[in-house]
Amino acid sequence: MQVTLVLASSSPRRLDLLRQIGIVPDRIVSPDIAETPQPHEVPRSLAARLARAKLDSAAIPGSFTIAADTVVGLGSRILPKAETEAEARQCLTMLSGRRHKVYSAVAVAGPDGRIAIRTVASVVAFARLEAGAIEHYIASGEWRGKAGGYAIQGRAAGFIDFLSGSYTGVVGLPLHETLNLLRGLGWRAP
């Protein structure tokens, strides 16, 4: 019997990232979990907790399952996955001219039930953004549903002064770490 690989994510970005390194999941499951931060929760802990919750809700016994979550933190403040123009504008205004951290947590379950989790922190610095640049980005709609109100792989790439860490982690799935977790649990590429 062939062991399957499940991606517990409805994110097209995560699927594209896996395909970039030649991994095509056999199945995609959209986990349905509450993503509300708990009182006093910090960004790193939230990312890890959500990745694990997604894994728990979508893992298929006997399969490898990958789940992930990405959180943007400004100090200990958790920036939302912007759903409104006002949220996106507030995020971009706060990030303008500042460094922030992007925490991308990946949780992997092996067919034997073992679980491995890794959280990667990347530092991103935004250029100082003029009000017109923010409004132009808001008009693009690219920010919708994105942690911190931006997508580094899109138009917001022009805002980035500095990046230290995992570019793919900032996009939504740290590929190097994901591959290492899979291998550590016994996954072998077909």
C-alpha atoms as a PDB file:
ATOM      1  CA  MET A   1       0.000   0.000   0.000  1.00  0.00           C
ATOM      2  CA  GLN A   2       1.312   3.434  -0.945  1.00  0.00           C
ATOM      3  CA  VAL A   3       1.370   6.046   1.795  1.00  0.00           C
ATOM      4  CA  THR A   4      -0.273   9.291   0.774  1.00  0.00           C
ATOM      5  CA  LEU A   5       0.735  12.876   1.409  1.00  0.00           C
ATOM      6  CA  VAL A   6      -1.980  15.231   2.643  1.00  0.00           C
ATOM      7  CA  LEU A   7      -1.776  19.015   2.659  1.00  0.00           C
ATOM      8  CA  ALA A   8      -3.982  20.442   5.399  1.00  0.00           C
ATOM      9  CA  SER A   9      -4.412  23.867   3.823  1.00  0.00           C
ATOM     10  CA  SER A  10      -6.697  25.659   1.424  1.00  0.00           C
ATOM     11  CA  SER A  11      -3.899  28.106   0.589  1.00  0.00           C
ATOM     12  CA  PRO A  12      -2.951  28.053  -3.089  1.00  0.00           C
ATOM     13  CA  ARG A  13       0.406  29.585  -2.091  1.00  0.00           C
ATOM     14  CA  ARG A  14       1.331  26.587   0.058  1.00  0.00           C
ATOM     15  CA  LEU A  15       0.387  24.196  -2.722  1.00  0.00           C
ATOM     16  CA  ASP A  16       2.466  26.191  -5.213  1.00  0.00           C
ATOM     17  CA  LEU A  17       5.439  26.203  -2.840  1.00  0.00           C
ATOM     18  CA  LEU A  18       5.339  22.413  -2.453  1.00  0.00           C
ATOM     19  CA  ARG A  19       5.078  21.976  -6.214  1.00  0.00           C
ATOM     20  CA  GLN A  20       8.112  24.241  -6.592  1.00  0.00           C
ATOM     21  CA  ILE A  21      10.232  21.538  -4.937  1.00  0.00           C
ATOM     22  CA  GLY A  22       8.524  18.665  -6.728  1.00  0.00           C
ATOM     23  CA  ILE A  23       6.078  17.642  -4.010  1.00  0.00           C
ATOM     24  CA  VAL A  24       2.492  17.160  -5.125  1.00  0.00           C
ATOM     25  CA  PRO A  25       0.081  16.207  -2.335  1.00  0.00           C
ATOM     26  CA  ASP A  26      -2.228  13.286  -3.012  1.00  0.00           C
ATOM     27  CA  ARG A  27      -5.012  15.040  -1.156  1.00  0.00           C
ATOM     28  CA  ILE A  28      -5.847  18.544   0.071  1.00  0.00           C
ATOM     29  CA  VAL A  29      -7.993  19.015   3.168  1.00  0.00           C
ATOM     30  CA  SER A  30      -9.192  22.420   4.342  1.00  0.00           C
ATOM     31  CA  PRO A  31      -8.986  22.470   8.128  1.00  0.00           C
ATOM     32  CA  ASP A  32     -11.759  24.328   9.905  1.00  0.00           C
ATOM     33  CA  ILE A  33     -10.388  25.823  13.103  1.00  0.00           C
ATOM     34  CA  ALA A  34     -10.822  29.055  15.058  1.00  0.00           C
ATOM     35  CA  GLU A  35      -7.781  31.277  14.516  1.00  0.00           C
ATOM     36  CA  THR A  36      -8.461  33.778  17.296  1.00  0.00           C
ATOM     37  CA  PRO A  37      -5.431  34.489  19.492  1.00  0.00           C
ATOM     38  CA  GLN A  38      -5.785  33.559  23.138  1.00  0.00           C
ATOM     39  CA  PRO A  39      -5.378  36.293  25.774  1.00  0.00           C
ATOM     40  CA  HIS A  40      -1.695  37.270  26.149  1.00  0.00           C
ATOM     41  CA  GLU A  41      -0.645  34.873  23.369  1.00  0.00           C
ATOM     42  CA  VAL A  42       2.505  35.929  21.502  1.00  0.00           C
ATOM     43  CA  PRO A  43       2.990  35.578  17.708  1.00  0.00           C
ATOM     44  CA  ARG A  44       5.369  32.573  17.813  1.00  0.00           C
ATOM     45  CA  SER A  45       3.078  30.584  20.115  1.00  0.00           C
ATOM     46  CA  LEU A  46       0.008  31.416  18.021  1.00  0.00           C
ATOM     47  CA  ALA A  47       1.655  30.191  14.804  1.00  0.00           C
ATOM     48  CA  ALA A  48       2.679  26.881  16.409  1.00  0.00           C
ATOM     49  CA  ARG A  49      -0.693  26.360  18.089  1.00  0.00           C
ATOM     50  CA  LEU A  50      -2.622  27.000  14.868  1.00  0.00           C
ATOM     51  CA  ALA A  51      -0.374  24.725  12.784  1.00  0.00           C
ATOM     52  CA  ARG A  52      -0.901  21.932  15.324  1.00  0.00           C
ATOM     53  CA  ALA A  53      -4.665  22.550  15.465  1.00  0.00           C
ATOM     54  CA  LYS A  54      -4.860  22.384  11.663  1.00  0.00           C
ATOM     55  CA  LEU A  55      -2.867  19.149  11.715  1.00  0.00           C
ATOM     56  CA  ASP A  56      -5.107  17.637  14.383  1.00  0.00           C
ATOM     57  CA  SER A  57      -8.260  18.560  12.468  1.00  0.00           C
ATOM     58  CA  ALA A  58      -7.099  17.246   9.090  1.00  0.00           C
ATOM     59  CA  ALA A  59      -4.601  14.416   9.635  1.00  0.00           C
ATOM     60  CA  ILE A  60      -5.533  11.154   7.963  1.00  0.00           C
ATOM     61  CA  PRO A  61      -4.270   8.065   9.809  1.00  0.00           C
ATOM     62  CA  GLY A  62      -1.625   6.161   7.880  1.00  0.00           C
ATOM     63  CA  SER A  63      -0.658   9.201   5.804  1.00  0.00           C
ATOM     64  CA  PHE A  64       1.883  11.976   5.964  1.00  0.00           C
ATOM     65  CA  THR A  65       0.093  15.245   6.677  1.00  0.00           C
ATOM     66  CA  ILE A  66       1.474  18.782   6.458  1.00  0.00           C
ATOM     67  CA  ALA A  67      -0.189  21.764   8.157  1.00  0.00           C
ATOM     68  CA  ALA A  68       1.119  25.293   8.563  1.00  0.00           C
ATOM     69  CA  ASP A  69       0.257  28.753   9.763  1.00  0.00           C
ATOM     70  CA  THR A  70       1.910  32.134   9.364  1.00  0.00           C
ATOM     71  CA  VAL A  71       1.664  35.004  11.843  1.00  0.00           C
ATOM     72  CA  VAL A  72       3.053  38.512  11.521  1.00  0.00           C
ATOM     73  CA  GLY A  73       4.270  40.013  14.773  1.00  0.00           C
ATOM     74  CA  LEU A  74       5.249  43.568  15.579  1.00  0.00           C
ATOM     75  CA  GLY A  75       6.978  43.086  18.903  1.00  0.00           C
ATOM     76  CA  SER A  76       4.558  40.974  20.932  1.00  0.00           C
ATOM     77  CA  ARG A  77       1.582  42.336  18.967  1.00  0.00           C
ATOM     78  CA  ILE A  78      -0.130  39.932  16.569  1.00  0.00           C
ATOM     79  CA  LEU A  79      -1.183  41.581  13.325  1.00  0.00           C
ATOM     80  CA  PRO A  80      -4.399  40.190  11.824  1.00  0.00           C
ATOM     81  CA  LYS A  81      -5.002  38.370   8.590  1.00  0.00           C
ATOM     82  CA  ALA A  82      -6.557  41.482   7.090  1.00  0.00           C
ATOM     83  CA  GLU A  83     -10.176  41.069   6.055  1.00  0.00           C
ATOM     84  CA  THR A  84     -11.130  44.726   5.605  1.00  0.00           C
ATOM     85  CA  GLU A  85      -9.476  47.687   3.932  1.00  0.00           C
ATOM     86  CA  ALA A  86      -9.281  49.390   7.332  1.00  0.00           C
ATOM     87  CA  GLU A  87      -7.393  46.409   8.815  1.00  0.00           C
ATOM     88  CA  ALA A  88      -4.996  46.264   5.868  1.00  0.00           C
ATOM     89  CA  ARG A  89      -4.391  50.040   6.000  1.00  0.00           C
ATOM     90  CA  GLN A  90      -3.721  49.858   9.756  1.00  0.00           C
ATOM     91  CA  CYS A  91      -1.255  46.964   9.301  1.00  0.00           C
ATOM     92  CA  LEU A  92       0.646  48.679   6.479  1.00  0.00           C
ATOM     93  CA  THR A  93       0.786  51.958   8.395  1.00  0.00           C
ATOM     94  CA  MET A  94       2.220  50.174  11.449  1.00  0.00           C
ATOM     95  CA  LEU A  95       4.757  48.241   9.336  1.00  0.00           C
ATOM     96  CA  SER A  96       5.889  51.302   7.355  1.00  0.00           C
ATOM     97  CA  GLY A  97       9.561  52.044   7.988  1.00  0.00           C
ATOM     98  CA  ARG A  98       9.865  49.301  10.598  1.00  0.00           C
ATOM     99  CA  ARG A  99      11.158  45.777  11.065  1.00  0.00           C
ATOM    100  CA  HIS A 100       8.801  43.017  12.067  1.00  0.00           C
ATOM    101  CA  LYS A 101       8.913  39.233  12.408  1.00  0.00           C
ATOM    102  CA  VAL A 102       7.022  36.652  10.433  1.00  0.00           C
ATOM    103  CA  TYR A 103       6.541  33.341  12.222  1.00  0.00           C
ATOM    104  CA  SER A 104       5.763  30.374  10.017  1.00  0.00           C
ATOM    105  CA  ALA A 105       5.026  27.153  11.842  1.00  0.00           C
ATOM    106  CA  VAL A 106       4.807  23.795  10.122  1.00  0.00           C
ATOM    107  CA  ALA A 107       3.431  20.641  11.716  1.00  0.00           C
ATOM    108  CA  VAL A 108       3.922  17.253  10.087  1.00  0.00           C
ATOM    109  CA  ALA A 109       2.371  13.924  11.044  1.00  0.00           C
ATOM    110  CA  GLY A 110       3.859  10.637   9.917  1.00  0.00           C
ATOM    111  CA  PRO A 111       1.877   7.528   9.014  1.00  0.00           C
ATOM    112  CA  ASP A 112       2.865   6.006  12.355  1.00  0.00           C
ATOM    113  CA  GLY A 113       1.301   8.908  14.280  1.00  0.00           C
ATOM    114  CA  ARG A 114       4.532  10.680  15.197  1.00  0.00           C
ATOM    115  CA  ILE A 115       4.330  14.469  14.963  1.00  0.00           C
ATOM    116  CA  ALA A 116       7.061  17.041  14.416  1.00  0.00           C
ATOM    117  CA  ILE A 117       6.628  20.819  14.596  1.00  0.00           C
ATOM    118  CA  ARG A 118       9.000  23.627  13.694  1.00  0.00           C
ATOM    119  CA  THR A 119       8.514  27.385  13.857  1.00  0.00           C
ATOM    120  CA  VAL A 120      10.706  29.605  11.704  1.00  0.00           C
ATOM    121  CA  ALA A 121      11.120  33.309  12.481  1.00  0.00           C
ATOM    122  CA  SER A 122      12.077  35.679   9.674  1.00  0.00           C
ATOM    123  CA  VAL A 123      12.825  39.381  10.032  1.00  0.00           C
ATOM    124  CA  VAL A 124      11.316  41.677   7.413  1.00  0.00           C
ATOM    125  CA  ALA A 125      11.890  45.417   7.125  1.00  0.00           C
ATOM    126  CA  PHE A 126       9.503  47.654   5.227  1.00  0.00           C
ATOM    127  CA  ALA A 127      10.539  50.862   3.530  1.00  0.00           C
ATOM    128  CA  ARG A 128       8.749  53.984   4.695  1.00  0.00           C
ATOM    129  CA  LEU A 129       5.470  53.935   2.780  1.00  0.00           C
ATOM    130  CA  GLU A 130       3.809  57.067   1.453  1.00  0.00           C
ATOM    131  CA  ALA A 131       0.034  57.272   1.916  1.00  0.00           C
ATOM    132  CA  GLY A 132      -0.410  56.978  -1.858  1.00  0.00           C
ATOM    133  CA  ALA A 133       1.574  53.717  -1.967  1.00  0.00           C
ATOM    134  CA  ILE A 134      -0.591  52.268   0.794  1.00  0.00           C
ATOM    135  CA  GLU A 135      -3.791  53.292  -0.992  1.00  0.00           C
ATOM    136  CA  HIS A 136      -2.543  51.860  -4.291  1.00  0.00           C
ATOM    137  CA  TYR A 137      -1.792  48.562  -2.575  1.00  0.00           C
ATOM    138  CA  ILE A 138      -5.177  48.568  -0.824  1.00  0.00           C
ATOM    139  CA  ALA A 139      -6.862  49.078  -4.215  1.00  0.00           C
ATOM    140  CA  SER A 140      -5.118  45.948  -5.555  1.00  0.00           C
ATOM    141  CA  GLY A 141      -7.006  43.715  -3.092  1.00  0.00           C
ATOM    142  CA  GLU A 142      -3.905  41.551  -2.776  1.00  0.00           C
ATOM    143  CA  TRP A 143      -3.854  42.065   1.009  1.00  0.00           C
ATOM    144  CA  ARG A 144      -7.159  40.278   1.622  1.00  0.00           C
ATOM    145  CA  GLY A 145      -6.734  37.384   4.057  1.00  0.00           C
ATOM    146  CA  LYS A 146      -2.966  37.891   4.294  1.00  0.00           C
ATOM    147  CA  ALA A 147      -1.162  37.946   7.633  1.00  0.00           C
ATOM    148  CA  GLY A 148      -0.102  41.519   8.342  1.00  0.00           C
ATOM    149  CA  GLY A 149      -2.097  42.734   5.345  1.00  0.00           C
ATOM    150  CA  TYR A 150       0.510  41.991   2.682  1.00  0.00           C
ATOM    151  CA  ALA A 151       1.800  39.309   0.306  1.00  0.00           C
ATOM    152  CA  ILE A 152       5.595  39.396  -0.084  1.00  0.00           C
ATOM    153  CA  GLN A 153       5.364  37.332  -3.281  1.00  0.00           C
ATOM    154  CA  GLY A 154       3.194  39.980  -4.940  1.00  0.00           C
ATOM    155  CA  ARG A 155       3.141  43.751  -5.214  1.00  0.00           C
ATOM    156  CA  ALA A 156       4.313  44.180  -1.627  1.00  0.00           C
ATOM    157  CA  ALA A 157       7.734  42.895  -2.723  1.00  0.00           C
ATOM    158  CA  GLY A 158       8.404  46.528  -3.622  1.00  0.00           C
ATOM    159  CA  PHE A 159       8.010  47.515   0.051  1.00  0.00           C
ATOM    160  CA  ILE A 160      10.748  45.219   1.347  1.00  0.00           C
ATOM    161  CA  ASP A 161      14.043  46.821   2.397  1.00  0.00           C
ATOM    162  CA  PHE A 162      15.466  43.763   4.141  1.00  0.00           C
ATOM    163  CA  LEU A 163      14.719  40.101   4.738  1.00  0.00           C
ATOM    164  CA  SER A 164      16.592  37.733   7.015  1.00  0.00           C
ATOM    165  CA  GLY A 165      15.320  34.204   7.302  1.00  0.00           C
ATOM    166  CA  SER A 166      13.077  32.062   5.144  1.00  0.00           C
ATOM    167  CA  TYR A 167      11.501  33.776   2.146  1.00  0.00           C
ATOM    168  CA  THR A 168       9.212  30.771   1.621  1.00  0.00           C
ATOM    169  CA  GLY A 169       8.304  30.953   5.308  1.00  0.00           C
ATOM    170  CA  VAL A 170       7.148  34.541   4.824  1.00  0.00           C
ATOM    171  CA  VAL A 171       5.102  33.401   1.811  1.00  0.00           C
ATOM    172  CA  GLY A 172       3.499  30.739   4.013  1.00  0.00           C
ATOM    173  CA  LEU A 173       5.507  27.495   4.180  1.00  0.00           C
ATOM    174  CA  PRO A 174       9.204  27.187   5.071  1.00  0.00           C
ATOM    175  CA  LEU A 175      10.218  24.616   2.477  1.00  0.00           C
ATOM    176  CA  HIS A 176      13.615  23.584   3.855  1.00  0.00           C
ATOM    177  CA  GLU A 177      12.175  22.885   7.294  1.00  0.00           C
ATOM    178  CA  THR A 178       9.085  21.155   5.867  1.00  0.00           C
ATOM    179  CA  LEU A 179      11.223  18.806   3.796  1.00  0.00           C
ATOM    180  CA  ASN A 180      13.464  18.042   6.782  1.00  0.00           C
ATOM    181  CA  LEU A 181      10.460  17.262   9.007  1.00  0.00           C
ATOM    182  CA  LEU A 182       9.014  14.937   6.363  1.00  0.00           C
ATOM    183  CA  ARG A 183      12.338  13.128   5.947  1.00  0.00           C
ATOM    184  CA  GLY A 184      12.742  12.855   9.719  1.00  0.00           C
ATOM    185  CA  LEU A 185       9.402  11.038   9.890  1.00  0.00           C
ATOM    186  CA  GLY A 186      10.440   8.613   7.132  1.00  0.00           C
ATOM    187  CA  TRP A 187       9.032  10.249   3.990  1.00  0.00           C
ATOM    188  CA  ARG A 188      10.788   9.370   0.776  1.00  0.00           C
ATOM    189  CA  ALA A 189      10.151  11.195  -2.472  1.00  0.00           C
ATOM    190  CA  PRO A 190       8.575   8.987  -5.146  1.00  0.00           C
END
